[in-house]
Amino acid sequence: MSANIIHPTAIVAAGASLGDGIEIGAHAIIDDNVNIDDGCRI
């Protein structure tokens, strides 16, 4: 299992589903009911 990297300025809703080894960059907004698969970079 890889660690997720989420930039401090990103906003991730509690209802979002995050896979393993993802990266979410600066100022990204991830809303409820969003699924991000393993290894995705946003």
PDB file of N, CA and C in Angstrom:
ATOM      1  N   MET A   1       0.845  -1.169   0.000  1.00  0.00           N
ATOM      2  CA  MET A   1       0.000   0.000   0.000  1.00  0.00           C
ATOM      3  C   MET A   1       0.894   1.236   0.000  1.00  0.00           C
ATOM      4  N   SER A   2       0.640   2.133  -0.964  1.00  0.00           N
ATOM      5  CA  SER A   2       1.412   3.371  -1.075  1.00  0.00           C
ATOM      6  C   SER A   2       0.706   4.492  -0.325  1.00  0.00           C
ATOM      7  N   ALA A   3       1.495   5.404   0.188  1.00  0.00           N
ATOM      8  CA  ALA A   3       0.936   6.550   0.904  1.00  0.00           C
ATOM      9  C   ALA A   3       0.330   7.544  -0.080  1.00  0.00           C
ATOM     10  N   ASN A   4      -0.756   8.165   0.320  1.00  0.00           N
ATOM     11  CA  ASN A   4      -1.367   9.215  -0.476  1.00  0.00           C
ATOM     12  C   ASN A   4      -0.694  10.542  -0.167  1.00  0.00           C
ATOM     13  N   ILE A   5      -0.562  11.381  -1.203  1.00  0.00           N
ATOM     14  CA  ILE A   5       0.015  12.711  -1.043  1.00  0.00           C
ATOM     15  C   ILE A   5      -1.076  13.719  -1.390  1.00  0.00           C
ATOM     16  N   ILE A   6      -1.478  14.513  -0.408  1.00  0.00           N
ATOM     17  CA  ILE A   6      -2.519  15.517  -0.612  1.00  0.00           C
ATOM     18  C   ILE A   6      -1.944  16.871  -0.204  1.00  0.00           C
ATOM     19  N   HIS A   7      -1.894  17.786  -1.171  1.00  0.00           N
ATOM     20  CA  HIS A   7      -1.336  19.119  -0.923  1.00  0.00           C
ATOM     21  C   HIS A   7      -2.152  19.825   0.163  1.00  0.00           C
ATOM     22  N   PRO A   8      -1.501  20.595   1.017  1.00  0.00           N
ATOM     23  CA  PRO A   8      -2.216  21.284   2.106  1.00  0.00           C
ATOM     24  C   PRO A   8      -3.306  22.245   1.639  1.00  0.00           C
ATOM     25  N   THR A   9      -3.227  22.753   0.406  1.00  0.00           N
ATOM     26  CA  THR A   9      -4.258  23.675  -0.078  1.00  0.00           C
ATOM     27  C   THR A   9      -5.410  22.957  -0.770  1.00  0.00           C
ATOM     28  N   ALA A  10      -5.301  21.651  -0.968  1.00  0.00           N
ATOM     29  CA  ALA A  10      -6.377  20.881  -1.599  1.00  0.00           C
ATOM     30  C   ALA A  10      -7.527  20.715  -0.611  1.00  0.00           C
ATOM     31  N   ILE A  11      -8.739  20.643  -1.156  1.00  0.00           N
ATOM     32  CA  ILE A  11      -9.935  20.417  -0.344  1.00  0.00           C
ATOM     33  C   ILE A  11     -10.522  19.080  -0.768  1.00  0.00           C
ATOM     34  N   VAL A  12     -10.619  18.153   0.179  1.00  0.00           N
ATOM     35  CA  VAL A  12     -11.152  16.817  -0.108  1.00  0.00           C
ATOM     36  C   VAL A  12     -12.345  16.579   0.811  1.00  0.00           C
ATOM     37  N   ALA A  13     -13.528  16.373   0.212  1.00  0.00           N
ATOM     38  CA  ALA A  13     -14.746  16.147   0.988  1.00  0.00           C
ATOM     39  C   ALA A  13     -14.680  14.804   1.707  1.00  0.00           C
ATOM     40  N   ALA A  14     -15.336  14.737   2.838  1.00  0.00           N
ATOM     41  CA  ALA A  14     -15.354  13.509   3.639  1.00  0.00           C
ATOM     42  C   ALA A  14     -15.991  12.346   2.878  1.00  0.00           C
ATOM     43  N   GLY A  15     -16.897  12.639   1.937  1.00  0.00           N
ATOM     44  CA  GLY A  15     -17.588  11.592   1.189  1.00  0.00           C
ATOM     45  C   GLY A  15     -16.850  11.108  -0.044  1.00  0.00           C
ATOM     46  N   ALA A  16     -15.641  11.610  -0.288  1.00  0.00           N
ATOM     47  CA  ALA A  16     -14.845  11.170  -1.441  1.00  0.00           C
ATOM     48  C   ALA A  16     -14.186   9.834  -1.121  1.00  0.00           C
ATOM     49  N   SER A  17     -14.039   8.994  -2.149  1.00  0.00           N
ATOM     50  CA  SER A  17     -13.381   7.697  -2.001  1.00  0.00           C
ATOM     51  C   SER A  17     -12.011   7.774  -2.661  1.00  0.00           C
ATOM     52  N   LEU A  18     -10.954   7.586  -1.867  1.00  0.00           N
ATOM     53  CA  LEU A  18      -9.591   7.730  -2.361  1.00  0.00           C
ATOM     54  C   LEU A  18      -8.895   6.382  -2.416  1.00  0.00           C
ATOM     55  N   GLY A  19      -8.275   6.084  -3.564  1.00  0.00           N
ATOM     56  CA  GLY A  19      -7.495   4.861  -3.710  1.00  0.00           C
ATOM     57  C   GLY A  19      -6.131   5.005  -3.065  1.00  0.00           C
ATOM     58  N   ASP A  20      -5.293   4.000  -3.267  1.00  0.00           N
ATOM     59  CA  ASP A  20      -3.938   4.001  -2.705  1.00  0.00           C
ATOM     60  C   ASP A  20      -2.954   4.661  -3.664  1.00  0.00           C
ATOM     61  N   GLY A  21      -1.970   5.336  -3.116  1.00  0.00           N
ATOM     62  CA  GLY A  21      -0.893   5.908  -3.911  1.00  0.00           C
ATOM     63  C   GLY A  21      -1.310   7.060  -4.794  1.00  0.00           C
ATOM     64  N   ILE A  22      -2.329   7.805  -4.385  1.00  0.00           N
ATOM     65  CA  ILE A  22      -2.786   8.933  -5.199  1.00  0.00           C
ATOM     66  C   ILE A  22      -2.038  10.201  -4.818  1.00  0.00           C
ATOM     67  N   GLU A  23      -2.060  11.183  -5.724  1.00  0.00           N
ATOM     68  CA  GLU A  23      -1.507  12.508  -5.466  1.00  0.00           C
ATOM     69  C   GLU A  23      -2.561  13.536  -5.841  1.00  0.00           C
ATOM     70  N   ILE A  24      -2.872  14.424  -4.913  1.00  0.00           N
ATOM     71  CA  ILE A  24      -3.805  15.515  -5.171  1.00  0.00           C
ATOM     72  C   ILE A  24      -3.029  16.807  -4.986  1.00  0.00           C
ATOM     73  N   GLY A  25      -2.959  17.598  -6.057  1.00  0.00           N
ATOM     74  CA  GLY A  25      -2.121  18.788  -6.079  1.00  0.00           C
ATOM     75  C   GLY A  25      -2.774  20.024  -5.491  1.00  0.00           C
ATOM     76  N   ALA A  26      -2.027  21.108  -5.590  1.00  0.00           N
ATOM     77  CA  ALA A  26      -2.417  22.394  -5.017  1.00  0.00           C
ATOM     78  C   ALA A  26      -3.751  22.888  -5.560  1.00  0.00           C
ATOM     79  N   HIS A  27      -4.593  23.352  -4.664  1.00  0.00           N
ATOM     80  CA  HIS A  27      -5.869  24.008  -4.955  1.00  0.00           C
ATOM     81  C   HIS A  27      -6.905  23.094  -5.611  1.00  0.00           C
ATOM     82  N   ALA A  28      -6.670  21.784  -5.628  1.00  0.00           N
ATOM     83  CA  ALA A  28      -7.670  20.851  -6.160  1.00  0.00           C
ATOM     84  C   ALA A  28      -8.848  20.781  -5.197  1.00  0.00           C
ATOM     85  N   ILE A  29     -10.041  20.571  -5.755  1.00  0.00           N
ATOM     86  CA  ILE A  29     -11.249  20.407  -4.944  1.00  0.00           C
ATOM     87  C   ILE A  29     -11.884  19.079  -5.334  1.00  0.00           C
ATOM     88  N   ILE A  30     -11.977  18.175  -4.366  1.00  0.00           N
ATOM     89  CA  ILE A  30     -12.561  16.858  -4.589  1.00  0.00           C
ATOM     90  C   ILE A  30     -13.855  16.810  -3.790  1.00  0.00           C
ATOM     91  N   ASP A  31     -14.981  16.659  -4.478  1.00  0.00           N
ATOM     92  CA  ASP A  31     -16.301  16.751  -3.861  1.00  0.00           C
ATOM     93  C   ASP A  31     -16.775  15.385  -3.359  1.00  0.00           C
ATOM     94  N   ASP A  32     -17.929  15.375  -2.682  1.00  0.00           N
ATOM     95  CA  ASP A  32     -18.559  14.126  -2.251  1.00  0.00           C
ATOM     96  C   ASP A  32     -18.872  13.248  -3.460  1.00  0.00           C
ATOM     97  N   ASN A  33     -18.949  11.952  -3.245  1.00  0.00           N
ATOM     98  CA  ASN A  33     -19.306  10.959  -4.264  1.00  0.00           C
ATOM     99  C   ASN A  33     -18.312  10.883  -5.412  1.00  0.00           C
ATOM    100  N   VAL A  34     -17.085  11.339  -5.202  1.00  0.00           N
ATOM    101  CA  VAL A  34     -16.025  11.225  -6.202  1.00  0.00           C
ATOM    102  C   VAL A  34     -15.173  10.018  -5.846  1.00  0.00           C
ATOM    103  N   ASN A  35     -14.870   9.176  -6.854  1.00  0.00           N
ATOM    104  CA  ASN A  35     -14.001   8.017  -6.666  1.00  0.00           C
ATOM    105  C   ASN A  35     -12.704   8.247  -7.414  1.00  0.00           C
ATOM    106  N   ILE A  36     -11.583   8.162  -6.715  1.00  0.00           N
ATOM    107  CA  ILE A  36     -10.274   8.314  -7.330  1.00  0.00           C
ATOM    108  C   ILE A  36      -9.557   6.977  -7.193  1.00  0.00           C
ATOM    109  N   ASP A  37      -9.226   6.362  -8.331  1.00  0.00           N
ATOM    110  CA  ASP A  37      -8.608   5.038  -8.335  1.00  0.00           C
ATOM    111  C   ASP A  37      -7.146   5.096  -7.923  1.00  0.00           C
ATOM    112  N   ASP A  38      -6.600   3.928  -7.610  1.00  0.00           N
ATOM    113  CA  ASP A  38      -5.201   3.795  -7.205  1.00  0.00           C
ATOM    114  C   ASP A  38      -4.263   4.437  -8.225  1.00  0.00           C
ATOM    115  N   GLY A  39      -3.275   5.153  -7.724  1.00  0.00           N
ATOM    116  CA  GLY A  39      -2.215   5.698  -8.560  1.00  0.00           C
ATOM    117  C   GLY A  39      -2.559   6.946  -9.352  1.00  0.00           C
ATOM    118  N   CYS A  40      -3.764   7.502  -9.196  1.00  0.00           N
ATOM    119  CA  CYS A  40      -4.149   8.697  -9.956  1.00  0.00           C
ATOM    120  C   CYS A  40      -3.441   9.937  -9.424  1.00  0.00           C
ATOM    121  N   ARG A  41      -3.148  10.856 -10.354  1.00  0.00           N
ATOM    122  CA  ARG A  41      -2.547  12.147  -9.999  1.00  0.00           C
ATOM    123  C   ARG A  41      -3.471  13.247 -10.491  1.00  0.00           C
ATOM    124  N   ILE A  42      -3.841  14.153  -9.594  1.00  0.00           N
ATOM    125  CA  ILE A  42      -4.741  15.257  -9.944  1.00  0.00           C
ATOM    126  C   ILE A  42      -4.047  16.559  -9.598  1.00  0.00           C
TER     127      ILE A  42
END
